[in-house]
Amino acid sequence: MMKRVYKLMLVTAGAVVATLGSSSMALAEEAAGGGYSRGIVALAAGLAISIAAFGCALGQGRAVASAMESIGRNPNSADRIQTPMIIGLALIEALCIYALVIAFTIAGNI
């Protein structure tokens, strides 16, 4: 099982390195009309938002799982756990929305 996790982490790290390495090439390449290549920039923006959404989903899943486990162990503390959990989920979701805005800004500037 751990080998699969390490393999997944290695593949993900390779994809991130490839994306970051290709972004400079995307902005350096000039298209026939004198502008930059829109396809590569759009691909990089889509990949960036997908990685951000994946990370936010993992973070939210772990936060909710921990909160539900805590409530399961001590049901009397549900009201003291639920409010900070919802605030934390909102902040995690805000990070994903920031990534979406940045991806749209990058794609729209070309």
Protein backbone atom coordinates (compact mmCIF):
# COMPACT_ATOMS: atom_id res chain seq x y z
CA MET A 1 0.00 0.00 0.00
CA MET A 2 2.77 2.46 0.90
CA LYS A 3 4.50 1.75 -2.41
CA ARG A 4 1.37 2.89 -4.23
CA VAL A 5 1.25 6.09 -2.21
CA TYR A 6 4.91 6.83 -2.88
CA LYS A 7 4.42 6.09 -6.57
CA LEU A 8 1.42 8.43 -6.70
CA MET A 9 3.38 11.13 -4.92
CA LEU A 10 6.27 10.71 -7.37
CA VAL A 11 3.97 10.95 -10.39
CA THR A 12 2.26 14.02 -8.94
CA ALA A 13 5.58 15.69 -8.20
CA GLY A 14 6.72 14.94 -11.75
CA ALA A 15 3.55 16.51 -13.17
CA VAL A 16 4.03 19.62 -11.04
CA VAL A 17 7.67 19.96 -12.12
CA ALA A 18 6.70 19.50 -15.77
CA THR A 19 3.97 22.12 -15.47
CA LEU A 20 6.21 24.64 -13.77
CA GLY A 21 8.96 23.98 -16.29
CA SER A 22 6.68 24.44 -19.28
CA SER A 23 5.15 27.71 -18.09
CA SER A 24 8.27 29.71 -18.96
CA MET A 25 8.30 28.15 -22.41
CA ALA A 26 4.62 29.00 -22.84
CA LEU A 27 5.18 32.66 -22.08
CA ALA A 28 8.36 32.85 -24.18
CA GLU A 29 6.81 31.36 -27.31
CA GLU A 30 5.32 33.89 -29.67
CA ALA A 31 2.52 32.87 -31.97
CA ALA A 32 2.17 33.94 -35.58
CA GLY A 33 0.06 36.96 -34.64
CA GLY A 34 2.69 38.36 -32.30
CA GLY A 35 0.96 37.16 -29.12
CA TYR A 36 1.67 34.23 -26.88
CA SER A 37 0.50 30.69 -27.44
CA ARG A 38 -2.97 30.56 -25.89
CA GLY A 39 -3.19 26.77 -25.88
CA ILE A 40 -0.30 26.13 -23.54
CA VAL A 41 -1.31 28.92 -21.18
CA ALA A 42 -4.89 27.62 -21.07
CA LEU A 43 -3.57 24.11 -20.38
CA ALA A 44 -1.37 25.41 -17.56
CA ALA A 45 -4.29 27.35 -16.04
CA GLY A 46 -6.55 24.29 -16.20
CA LEU A 47 -3.89 22.10 -14.64
CA ALA A 48 -3.26 24.66 -11.90
CA ILE A 49 -6.91 24.84 -10.89
CA SER A 50 -7.26 21.05 -10.97
CA ILE A 51 -4.26 20.63 -8.65
CA ALA A 52 -5.67 23.32 -6.33
CA ALA A 53 -9.10 21.67 -6.27
CA PHE A 54 -7.52 18.28 -5.55
CA GLY A 55 -5.51 19.70 -2.65
CA CYS A 56 -8.52 21.53 -1.22
CA ALA A 57 -10.66 18.41 -1.47
CA LEU A 58 -8.05 16.39 0.41
CA GLY A 59 -7.78 19.06 3.09
CA GLN A 60 -11.53 19.32 3.53
CA GLY A 61 -11.89 15.56 3.69
CA ARG A 62 -9.27 15.25 6.40
CA ALA A 63 -10.74 18.14 8.39
CA VAL A 64 -14.26 16.72 8.33
CA ALA A 65 -13.04 13.20 9.11
CA SER A 66 -11.12 14.45 12.13
CA ALA A 67 -14.07 16.51 13.34
CA MET A 68 -16.51 13.63 12.96
CA GLU A 69 -14.13 11.30 14.77
CA SER A 70 -13.84 13.80 17.62
CA ILE A 71 -17.61 14.22 17.82
CA GLY A 72 -18.01 10.43 17.76
CA ARG A 73 -15.69 10.09 20.72
CA ASN A 74 -17.24 12.95 22.70
CA PRO A 75 -20.77 13.82 21.50
CA ASN A 76 -21.15 16.58 24.10
CA SER A 77 -18.49 18.66 22.35
CA ALA A 78 -20.28 18.72 18.98
CA ASP A 79 -21.23 22.40 19.21
CA ARG A 80 -17.65 23.39 20.13
CA ILE A 81 -16.19 21.39 17.23
CA GLN A 82 -18.72 22.10 14.47
CA THR A 83 -18.35 25.90 14.28
CA PRO A 84 -14.53 25.96 13.95
CA MET A 85 -14.79 23.11 11.44
CA ILE A 86 -17.18 25.09 9.24
CA ILE A 87 -14.97 28.19 9.46
CA GLY A 88 -11.95 26.08 8.52
CA LEU A 89 -13.82 24.58 5.56
CA ALA A 90 -14.74 28.06 4.37
CA LEU A 91 -11.10 29.15 4.53
CA ILE A 92 -9.97 26.04 2.63
CA GLU A 93 -12.62 26.72 -0.01
CA ALA A 94 -11.42 30.32 -0.27
CA LEU A 95 -7.97 29.04 -1.22
CA CYS A 96 -9.48 27.08 -4.09
CA ILE A 97 -11.44 30.14 -5.23
CA TYR A 98 -8.23 32.23 -5.13
CA ALA A 99 -6.57 29.63 -7.36
CA LEU A 100 -9.53 29.83 -9.76
CA VAL A 101 -9.31 33.63 -9.93
CA ILE A 102 -5.56 33.49 -10.54
CA ALA A 103 -5.99 30.87 -13.28
CA PHE A 104 -8.66 33.00 -15.00
CA THR A 105 -6.43 36.08 -14.70
CA ILE A 106 -3.47 34.29 -16.26
CA ALA A 107 -5.58 32.87 -19.06
CA GLY A 108 -7.28 36.20 -19.69
CA ASN A 109 -4.06 38.25 -19.96
CA ILE A 110 -2.91 36.50 -23.10
